[in-house]
Amino acid sequence: MEAIVCSEFGPVENLSIQELPDPVPNAGDVLIHVNAIGVNFPDALLVRGLYQVKPALPFTPGIECAGTIAALGEGVEGFLVGDRVAAMSPRFGTYSGAVTVPASHVYALPDELDFDHAGAMLCAHGTAYHALVQRAALRSGETLLVTGAAGGTGLAAVQ
């Protein structure tokens, strides 16, 4: 499969497209054939070596994707091969033709949500949800001022 690979931290020009072995799901993992990915600010930090986590080089970046399930690891329930899903990968690797993701980070897609939108919504919308609901405990009727709604997370917070 083809994948975007970061062999050294630095500008995005250092990234290359390489042929890598097809991944195989471990127990508890879902193998996703990637149809769409999101490109987020953390991805830019990651390949420059400025993110809070620094994966061992070389690595395939990417934290979110949408696609179809190609295989299930042992013990995975609630999904079938062929299901349309979106996922957040705690191990990165979504900038590839296929990626394995823990089943707990995979979400079934409704028919009306296309891959392009699903592949680019989990990081920004998940971050906004975590900040506003889980951390700030924002409740209905309260007022919120979003001072930076130019990026994905800010736009998600406004929505």
N, C-alpha and C. Protein backbone atom coordinates (compact mmCIF):
# COMPACT_ATOMS: atom_id res chain seq x y z
N MET A 1 0.85 -1.18 0.00
CA MET A 1 0.00 0.00 0.00
C MET A 1 0.89 1.24 0.00
N GLU A 2 0.37 2.33 -0.52
CA GLU A 2 1.09 3.59 -0.49
C GLU A 2 0.78 4.33 0.80
N ALA A 3 1.79 5.04 1.30
CA ALA A 3 1.62 5.83 2.52
C ALA A 3 2.53 7.04 2.45
N ILE A 4 2.13 8.09 3.11
CA ILE A 4 3.00 9.25 3.28
C ILE A 4 3.87 8.95 4.49
N VAL A 5 5.18 9.13 4.34
CA VAL A 5 6.12 8.77 5.39
C VAL A 5 6.96 9.99 5.79
N CYS A 6 7.12 10.16 7.09
CA CYS A 6 8.00 11.18 7.65
C CYS A 6 9.27 10.47 8.11
N SER A 7 10.38 10.71 7.42
CA SER A 7 11.65 10.07 7.76
C SER A 7 12.54 10.95 8.62
N GLU A 8 12.25 12.25 8.63
CA GLU A 8 12.97 13.18 9.50
C GLU A 8 12.04 14.34 9.83
N PHE A 9 12.13 14.85 11.06
CA PHE A 9 11.30 15.97 11.45
C PHE A 9 11.74 17.21 10.68
N GLY A 10 10.76 18.01 10.28
CA GLY A 10 11.06 19.22 9.53
C GLY A 10 9.86 19.65 8.71
N PRO A 11 10.10 20.44 7.66
CA PRO A 11 8.99 20.93 6.85
C PRO A 11 8.30 19.80 6.10
N VAL A 12 7.07 20.07 5.66
CA VAL A 12 6.29 19.04 4.96
C VAL A 12 6.97 18.58 3.67
N GLU A 13 7.87 19.36 3.15
CA GLU A 13 8.60 18.96 1.95
C GLU A 13 9.45 17.72 2.19
N ASN A 14 9.72 17.41 3.44
CA ASN A 14 10.49 16.20 3.79
C ASN A 14 9.66 14.93 3.69
N LEU A 15 8.34 15.05 3.62
CA LEU A 15 7.48 13.88 3.53
C LEU A 15 7.63 13.23 2.16
N SER A 16 7.49 11.92 2.12
CA SER A 16 7.58 11.20 0.85
C SER A 16 6.48 10.15 0.78
N ILE A 17 6.13 9.77 -0.43
CA ILE A 17 5.19 8.68 -0.64
C ILE A 17 6.00 7.41 -0.85
N GLN A 18 5.69 6.40 -0.03
CA GLN A 18 6.44 5.14 -0.09
C GLN A 18 5.47 3.96 -0.14
N GLU A 19 5.98 2.86 -0.63
CA GLU A 19 5.22 1.60 -0.63
C GLU A 19 5.54 0.88 0.68
N LEU A 20 4.52 0.58 1.47
CA LEU A 20 4.69 -0.10 2.75
C LEU A 20 3.88 -1.40 2.74
N PRO A 21 4.25 -2.35 3.60
CA PRO A 21 3.45 -3.58 3.70
C PRO A 21 2.03 -3.27 4.20
N ASP A 22 1.08 -4.05 3.75
CA ASP A 22 -0.29 -3.89 4.24
C ASP A 22 -0.33 -4.22 5.73
N PRO A 23 -0.99 -3.38 6.54
CA PRO A 23 -1.08 -3.68 7.97
C PRO A 23 -2.03 -4.84 8.23
N VAL A 24 -1.82 -5.51 9.35
CA VAL A 24 -2.66 -6.62 9.78
C VAL A 24 -3.20 -6.26 11.16
N PRO A 25 -4.51 -6.38 11.38
CA PRO A 25 -5.06 -5.99 12.68
C PRO A 25 -4.68 -6.96 13.79
N ASN A 26 -4.26 -6.41 14.92
CA ASN A 26 -4.03 -7.20 16.12
C ASN A 26 -5.37 -7.39 16.83
N ALA A 27 -5.37 -8.17 17.88
CA ALA A 27 -6.58 -8.34 18.69
C ALA A 27 -7.09 -6.97 19.13
N GLY A 28 -8.38 -6.75 18.98
CA GLY A 28 -8.99 -5.49 19.39
C GLY A 28 -8.91 -4.38 18.36
N ASP A 29 -8.23 -4.63 17.24
CA ASP A 29 -8.05 -3.61 16.20
C ASP A 29 -9.00 -3.82 15.03
N VAL A 30 -9.22 -2.73 14.31
CA VAL A 30 -9.98 -2.74 13.07
C VAL A 30 -9.05 -2.27 11.96
N LEU A 31 -9.02 -2.99 10.85
CA LEU A 31 -8.26 -2.57 9.68
C LEU A 31 -9.20 -1.79 8.78
N ILE A 32 -8.84 -0.54 8.50
CA ILE A 32 -9.68 0.35 7.70
C ILE A 32 -9.00 0.64 6.37
N HIS A 33 -9.73 0.42 5.27
CA HIS A 33 -9.29 0.88 3.95
C HIS A 33 -9.64 2.36 3.91
N VAL A 34 -8.63 3.22 3.83
CA VAL A 34 -8.81 4.66 3.97
C VAL A 34 -9.33 5.27 2.66
N ASN A 35 -10.47 5.98 2.77
CA ASN A 35 -11.04 6.71 1.64
C ASN A 35 -10.81 8.21 1.74
N ALA A 36 -10.70 8.74 2.96
CA ALA A 36 -10.51 10.17 3.17
C ALA A 36 -9.78 10.39 4.49
N ILE A 37 -9.00 11.47 4.52
CA ILE A 37 -8.28 11.83 5.74
C ILE A 37 -8.54 13.30 6.06
N GLY A 38 -8.30 13.65 7.30
CA GLY A 38 -8.30 15.05 7.70
C GLY A 38 -6.86 15.51 7.86
N VAL A 39 -6.63 16.78 7.59
CA VAL A 39 -5.32 17.40 7.81
C VAL A 39 -5.53 18.47 8.86
N ASN A 40 -4.88 18.31 10.01
CA ASN A 40 -5.12 19.17 11.15
C ASN A 40 -3.83 19.81 11.64
N PHE A 41 -3.98 20.84 12.46
CA PHE A 41 -2.82 21.52 13.02
C PHE A 41 -1.89 20.56 13.77
N PRO A 42 -2.43 19.61 14.56
CA PRO A 42 -1.52 18.66 15.21
C PRO A 42 -0.68 17.85 14.22
N ASP A 43 -1.22 17.57 13.03
CA ASP A 43 -0.44 16.85 12.02
C ASP A 43 0.77 17.67 11.58
N ALA A 44 0.56 18.98 11.39
CA ALA A 44 1.67 19.86 10.99
C ALA A 44 2.73 19.92 12.08
N LEU A 45 2.29 19.98 13.33
CA LEU A 45 3.25 19.99 14.45
C LEU A 45 3.99 18.66 14.53
N LEU A 46 3.27 17.57 14.31
CA LEU A 46 3.84 16.23 14.43
C LEU A 46 5.01 16.03 13.48
N VAL A 47 4.84 16.37 12.21
CA VAL A 47 5.91 16.12 11.23
C VAL A 47 7.08 17.08 11.42
N ARG A 48 6.86 18.19 12.11
CA ARG A 48 7.96 19.11 12.39
C ARG A 48 8.65 18.78 13.72
N GLY A 49 8.14 17.77 14.44
CA GLY A 49 8.73 17.40 15.72
C GLY A 49 8.33 18.32 16.85
N LEU A 50 7.24 19.06 16.68
CA LEU A 50 6.82 20.05 17.67
C LEU A 50 5.57 19.63 18.45
N TYR A 51 5.05 18.44 18.17
CA TYR A 51 3.85 17.97 18.85
C TYR A 51 4.24 17.39 20.21
N GLN A 52 3.27 17.27 21.11
CA GLN A 52 3.53 16.76 22.46
C GLN A 52 4.00 15.31 22.46
N VAL A 53 3.71 14.59 21.39
CA VAL A 53 4.18 13.21 21.22
C VAL A 53 5.12 13.20 20.02
N LYS A 54 6.25 12.52 20.16
CA LYS A 54 7.19 12.40 19.04
C LYS A 54 7.35 10.92 18.69
N PRO A 55 6.67 10.47 17.63
CA PRO A 55 6.81 9.07 17.24
C PRO A 55 8.22 8.77 16.75
N ALA A 56 8.60 7.51 16.86
CA ALA A 56 9.91 7.08 16.35
C ALA A 56 9.90 7.21 14.83
N LEU A 57 11.00 7.68 14.29
CA LEU A 57 11.16 7.80 12.84
C LEU A 57 11.58 6.48 12.24
N PRO A 58 11.21 6.18 11.02
CA PRO A 58 10.19 6.85 10.22
C PRO A 58 8.78 6.46 10.69
N PHE A 59 7.81 7.31 10.37
CA PHE A 59 6.42 7.01 10.73
C PHE A 59 5.49 7.61 9.68
N THR A 60 4.26 7.12 9.68
CA THR A 60 3.22 7.66 8.82
C THR A 60 2.34 8.56 9.67
N PRO A 61 2.25 9.85 9.34
CA PRO A 61 1.42 10.75 10.13
C PRO A 61 -0.07 10.53 9.85
N GLY A 62 -0.87 11.34 10.53
CA GLY A 62 -2.32 11.31 10.34
C GLY A 62 -3.04 10.76 11.54
N ILE A 63 -4.04 11.53 12.01
CA ILE A 63 -4.76 11.12 13.21
C ILE A 63 -6.23 10.78 12.97
N GLU A 64 -6.76 11.15 11.80
CA GLU A 64 -8.17 10.84 11.56
C GLU A 64 -8.38 10.39 10.12
N CYS A 65 -9.40 9.56 9.95
CA CYS A 65 -9.71 9.06 8.60
C CYS A 65 -11.14 8.56 8.56
N ALA A 66 -11.58 8.29 7.34
CA ALA A 66 -12.86 7.61 7.11
C ALA A 66 -12.65 6.61 5.99
N GLY A 67 -13.38 5.51 6.07
CA GLY A 67 -13.24 4.48 5.05
C GLY A 67 -14.12 3.29 5.35
N THR A 68 -13.73 2.15 4.81
CA THR A 68 -14.49 0.93 5.03
C THR A 68 -13.64 -0.10 5.77
N ILE A 69 -14.28 -0.89 6.59
CA ILE A 69 -13.57 -1.92 7.34
C ILE A 69 -13.17 -3.03 6.39
N ALA A 70 -11.86 -3.34 6.40
CA ALA A 70 -11.32 -4.40 5.55
C ALA A 70 -11.12 -5.70 6.32
N ALA A 71 -10.89 -5.61 7.63
CA ALA A 71 -10.69 -6.81 8.46
C ALA A 71 -10.87 -6.43 9.92
N LEU A 72 -11.20 -7.43 10.72
CA LEU A 72 -11.38 -7.24 12.16
C LEU A 72 -10.38 -8.09 12.92
N GLY A 73 -9.76 -7.50 13.93
CA GLY A 73 -8.89 -8.27 14.80
C GLY A 73 -9.72 -9.13 15.74
N GLU A 74 -9.06 -10.10 16.34
CA GLU A 74 -9.72 -11.00 17.27
C GLU A 74 -10.41 -10.22 18.39
N GLY A 75 -11.64 -10.61 18.69
CA GLY A 75 -12.38 -10.02 19.80
C GLY A 75 -13.16 -8.77 19.46
N VAL A 76 -13.05 -8.26 18.25
CA VAL A 76 -13.78 -7.05 17.89
C VAL A 76 -15.24 -7.40 17.62
N GLU A 77 -16.13 -6.68 18.29
CA GLU A 77 -17.57 -6.88 18.11
C GLU A 77 -18.21 -5.55 17.75
N GLY A 78 -19.37 -5.62 17.13
CA GLY A 78 -20.12 -4.42 16.80
C GLY A 78 -19.83 -3.85 15.43
N PHE A 79 -18.89 -4.43 14.71
CA PHE A 79 -18.55 -4.01 13.35
C PHE A 79 -18.50 -5.22 12.44
N LEU A 80 -18.69 -4.96 11.14
CA LEU A 80 -18.58 -6.00 10.12
C LEU A 80 -17.65 -5.52 9.02
N VAL A 81 -16.99 -6.45 8.35
CA VAL A 81 -16.19 -6.10 7.18
C VAL A 81 -17.13 -5.42 6.18
N GLY A 82 -16.68 -4.30 5.64
CA GLY A 82 -17.50 -3.52 4.70
C GLY A 82 -18.22 -2.35 5.33
N ASP A 83 -18.29 -2.29 6.66
CA ASP A 83 -18.94 -1.16 7.33
C ASP A 83 -18.22 0.14 7.00
N ARG A 84 -18.99 1.21 6.83
CA ARG A 84 -18.44 2.55 6.64
C ARG A 84 -18.17 3.15 8.01
N VAL A 85 -16.94 3.65 8.22
CA VAL A 85 -16.55 4.13 9.55
C VAL A 85 -15.67 5.38 9.44
N ALA A 86 -15.56 6.08 10.55
CA ALA A 86 -14.56 7.12 10.76
C ALA A 86 -13.77 6.71 11.98
N ALA A 87 -12.52 7.18 12.07
CA ALA A 87 -11.67 6.76 13.19
C ALA A 87 -10.66 7.83 13.55
N MET A 88 -10.29 7.83 14.83
CA MET A 88 -9.17 8.62 15.35
C MET A 88 -8.10 7.62 15.75
N SER A 89 -6.91 7.78 15.20
CA SER A 89 -5.85 6.82 15.48
C SER A 89 -4.89 7.34 16.53
N PRO A 90 -4.85 6.71 17.70
CA PRO A 90 -3.88 7.12 18.72
C PRO A 90 -2.45 6.76 18.34
N ARG A 91 -2.30 5.94 17.29
CA ARG A 91 -0.96 5.52 16.82
C ARG A 91 -0.56 6.23 15.53
N PHE A 92 -1.35 7.22 15.12
CA PHE A 92 -1.13 7.92 13.86
C PHE A 92 -1.31 6.94 12.70
N GLY A 93 -0.79 7.25 11.51
CA GLY A 93 -0.81 6.32 10.40
C GLY A 93 -1.95 6.42 9.42
N THR A 94 -2.83 7.44 9.56
CA THR A 94 -3.98 7.50 8.66
C THR A 94 -3.64 8.02 7.27
N TYR A 95 -2.46 8.59 7.07
CA TYR A 95 -2.06 9.07 5.74
C TYR A 95 -1.54 7.90 4.92
N SER A 96 -2.39 6.93 4.75
CA SER A 96 -2.00 5.69 4.07
C SER A 96 -3.23 5.05 3.43
N GLY A 97 -3.00 4.02 2.65
CA GLY A 97 -4.10 3.32 2.01
C GLY A 97 -4.93 2.50 2.98
N ALA A 98 -4.30 2.10 4.09
CA ALA A 98 -5.00 1.31 5.11
C ALA A 98 -4.31 1.54 6.45
N VAL A 99 -5.09 1.44 7.52
CA VAL A 99 -4.54 1.68 8.86
C VAL A 99 -5.28 0.79 9.86
N THR A 100 -4.56 0.33 10.88
CA THR A 100 -5.20 -0.38 11.98
C THR A 100 -5.43 0.60 13.12
N VAL A 101 -6.62 0.52 13.70
CA VAL A 101 -7.03 1.43 14.77
C VAL A 101 -7.74 0.60 15.84
N PRO A 102 -7.51 0.89 17.13
CA PRO A 102 -8.28 0.20 18.16
C PRO A 102 -9.78 0.38 17.91
N ALA A 103 -10.54 -0.68 18.07
CA ALA A 103 -11.99 -0.62 17.81
C ALA A 103 -12.67 0.45 18.65
N SER A 104 -12.12 0.76 19.81
CA SER A 104 -12.71 1.78 20.67
C SER A 104 -12.59 3.19 20.09
N HIS A 105 -11.80 3.35 19.03
CA HIS A 105 -11.61 4.65 18.39
C HIS A 105 -12.26 4.70 17.00
N VAL A 106 -13.15 3.75 16.72
CA VAL A 106 -13.80 3.64 15.42
C VAL A 106 -15.30 3.89 15.60
N TYR A 107 -15.89 4.65 14.67
CA TYR A 107 -17.28 5.06 14.78
C TYR A 107 -18.02 4.76 13.47
N ALA A 108 -19.16 4.11 13.57
CA ALA A 108 -19.98 3.81 12.40
C ALA A 108 -20.51 5.11 11.80
N LEU A 109 -20.57 5.15 10.47
CA LEU A 109 -21.07 6.34 9.77
C LEU A 109 -22.50 6.13 9.31
N PRO A 110 -23.34 7.14 9.48
CA PRO A 110 -24.67 7.06 8.89
C PRO A 110 -24.55 7.18 7.37
N ASP A 111 -25.49 6.64 6.65
CA ASP A 111 -25.45 6.63 5.18
C ASP A 111 -25.34 8.03 4.59
N GLU A 112 -25.96 9.01 5.22
CA GLU A 112 -25.99 10.36 4.66
C GLU A 112 -24.69 11.15 4.87
N LEU A 113 -23.73 10.62 5.62
CA LEU A 113 -22.46 11.30 5.85
C LEU A 113 -21.40 10.70 4.92
N ASP A 114 -20.87 11.53 4.01
CA ASP A 114 -19.89 11.01 3.06
C ASP A 114 -18.50 10.92 3.69
N PHE A 115 -17.61 10.18 3.04
CA PHE A 115 -16.26 9.96 3.57
C PHE A 115 -15.48 11.27 3.72
N ASP A 116 -15.60 12.18 2.75
CA ASP A 116 -14.82 13.42 2.80
C ASP A 116 -15.13 14.22 4.06
N HIS A 117 -16.40 14.36 4.40
CA HIS A 117 -16.75 15.11 5.60
C HIS A 117 -16.40 14.32 6.87
N ALA A 118 -16.69 13.04 6.86
CA ALA A 118 -16.41 12.21 8.04
C ALA A 118 -14.92 12.13 8.33
N GLY A 119 -14.11 12.09 7.28
CA GLY A 119 -12.67 11.97 7.46
C GLY A 119 -11.99 13.21 7.99
N ALA A 120 -12.74 14.31 8.05
CA ALA A 120 -12.13 15.57 8.49
C ALA A 120 -12.90 16.23 9.63
N MET A 121 -13.65 15.47 10.40
CA MET A 121 -14.44 16.11 11.45
C MET A 121 -14.10 15.66 12.87
N LEU A 122 -13.54 14.50 13.04
CA LEU A 122 -13.37 13.97 14.40
C LEU A 122 -12.39 14.77 15.24
N CYS A 123 -11.27 15.16 14.68
CA CYS A 123 -10.26 15.88 15.46
C CYS A 123 -10.78 17.24 15.92
N ALA A 124 -11.23 18.07 14.98
CA ALA A 124 -11.70 19.41 15.33
C ALA A 124 -12.94 19.37 16.21
N HIS A 125 -13.94 18.60 15.80
CA HIS A 125 -15.18 18.54 16.57
C HIS A 125 -14.96 17.83 17.91
N GLY A 126 -14.13 16.81 17.92
CA GLY A 126 -13.82 16.13 19.18
C GLY A 126 -13.09 17.03 20.16
N THR A 127 -12.17 17.84 19.65
CA THR A 127 -11.43 18.77 20.51
C THR A 127 -12.38 19.82 21.08
N ALA A 128 -13.25 20.38 20.24
CA ALA A 128 -14.21 21.38 20.71
C ALA A 128 -15.15 20.77 21.76
N TYR A 129 -15.65 19.58 21.49
CA TYR A 129 -16.55 18.91 22.43
C TYR A 129 -15.84 18.67 23.77
N HIS A 130 -14.62 18.15 23.71
CA HIS A 130 -13.87 17.89 24.94
C HIS A 130 -13.68 19.18 25.74
N ALA A 131 -13.28 20.25 25.06
CA ALA A 131 -13.01 21.51 25.75
C ALA A 131 -14.27 22.10 26.36
N LEU A 132 -15.35 22.13 25.60
CA LEU A 132 -16.55 22.83 26.04
C LEU A 132 -17.44 21.99 26.96
N VAL A 133 -17.57 20.72 26.68
CA VAL A 133 -18.50 19.88 27.45
C VAL A 133 -17.80 19.15 28.58
N GLN A 134 -16.70 18.49 28.26
CA GLN A 134 -16.04 17.67 29.28
C GLN A 134 -15.15 18.47 30.23
N ARG A 135 -14.49 19.51 29.73
CA ARG A 135 -13.60 20.29 30.60
C ARG A 135 -14.30 21.51 31.20
N ALA A 136 -14.94 22.33 30.36
CA ALA A 136 -15.57 23.56 30.85
C ALA A 136 -16.98 23.31 31.39
N ALA A 137 -17.55 22.15 31.12
CA ALA A 137 -18.91 21.80 31.58
C ALA A 137 -19.94 22.84 31.15
N LEU A 138 -19.81 23.33 29.92
CA LEU A 138 -20.75 24.30 29.38
C LEU A 138 -22.14 23.69 29.33
N ARG A 139 -23.13 24.50 29.77
CA ARG A 139 -24.50 24.01 29.82
C ARG A 139 -25.41 24.87 28.93
N SER A 140 -26.53 24.31 28.57
CA SER A 140 -27.52 25.04 27.79
C SER A 140 -27.90 26.33 28.52
N GLY A 141 -27.97 27.44 27.78
CA GLY A 141 -28.33 28.73 28.36
C GLY A 141 -27.14 29.58 28.74
N GLU A 142 -25.95 28.99 28.84
CA GLU A 142 -24.75 29.76 29.16
C GLU A 142 -24.22 30.43 27.89
N THR A 143 -23.44 31.48 28.07
CA THR A 143 -22.86 32.22 26.96
C THR A 143 -21.40 31.86 26.81
N LEU A 144 -20.97 31.72 25.57
CA LEU A 144 -19.58 31.39 25.27
C LEU A 144 -19.06 32.36 24.23
N LEU A 145 -17.89 32.91 24.45
CA LEU A 145 -17.22 33.76 23.47
C LEU A 145 -16.09 32.95 22.85
N VAL A 146 -16.17 32.71 21.55
CA VAL A 146 -15.11 32.03 20.82
C VAL A 146 -14.30 33.11 20.12
N THR A 147 -13.07 33.31 20.55
CA THR A 147 -12.25 34.41 20.02
C THR A 147 -11.43 34.02 18.80
N GLY A 148 -11.40 32.76 18.48
CA GLY A 148 -10.62 32.31 17.32
C GLY A 148 -11.37 31.26 16.55
N ALA A 149 -12.26 31.69 15.66
CA ALA A 149 -13.07 30.74 14.91
C ALA A 149 -12.60 30.62 13.46
N ALA A 150 -11.31 30.77 13.23
CA ALA A 150 -10.78 30.70 11.87
C ALA A 150 -10.35 29.29 11.50
N GLY A 151 -10.09 28.44 12.48
CA GLY A 151 -9.65 27.07 12.22
C GLY A 151 -10.76 26.07 12.49
N GLY A 152 -10.44 24.81 12.32
CA GLY A 152 -11.43 23.75 12.48
C GLY A 152 -12.03 23.67 13.86
N THR A 153 -11.21 23.75 14.90
CA THR A 153 -11.72 23.63 16.27
C THR A 153 -12.58 24.83 16.64
N GLY A 154 -12.15 26.03 16.26
CA GLY A 154 -12.94 27.22 16.53
C GLY A 154 -14.28 27.19 15.82
N LEU A 155 -14.27 26.78 14.56
CA LEU A 155 -15.53 26.67 13.82
C LEU A 155 -16.44 25.62 14.45
N ALA A 156 -15.87 24.51 14.89
CA ALA A 156 -16.67 23.47 15.55
C ALA A 156 -17.26 24.00 16.86
N ALA A 157 -16.51 24.82 17.59
CA ALA A 157 -17.01 25.39 18.84
C ALA A 157 -18.19 26.32 18.58
N VAL A 158 -18.12 27.09 17.51
CA VAL A 158 -19.22 27.99 17.16
C VAL A 158 -20.47 27.20 16.81
N GLN A 159 -20.29 26.08 16.11
CA GLN A 159 -21.44 25.27 15.73
C GLN A 159 -22.09 24.66 16.95
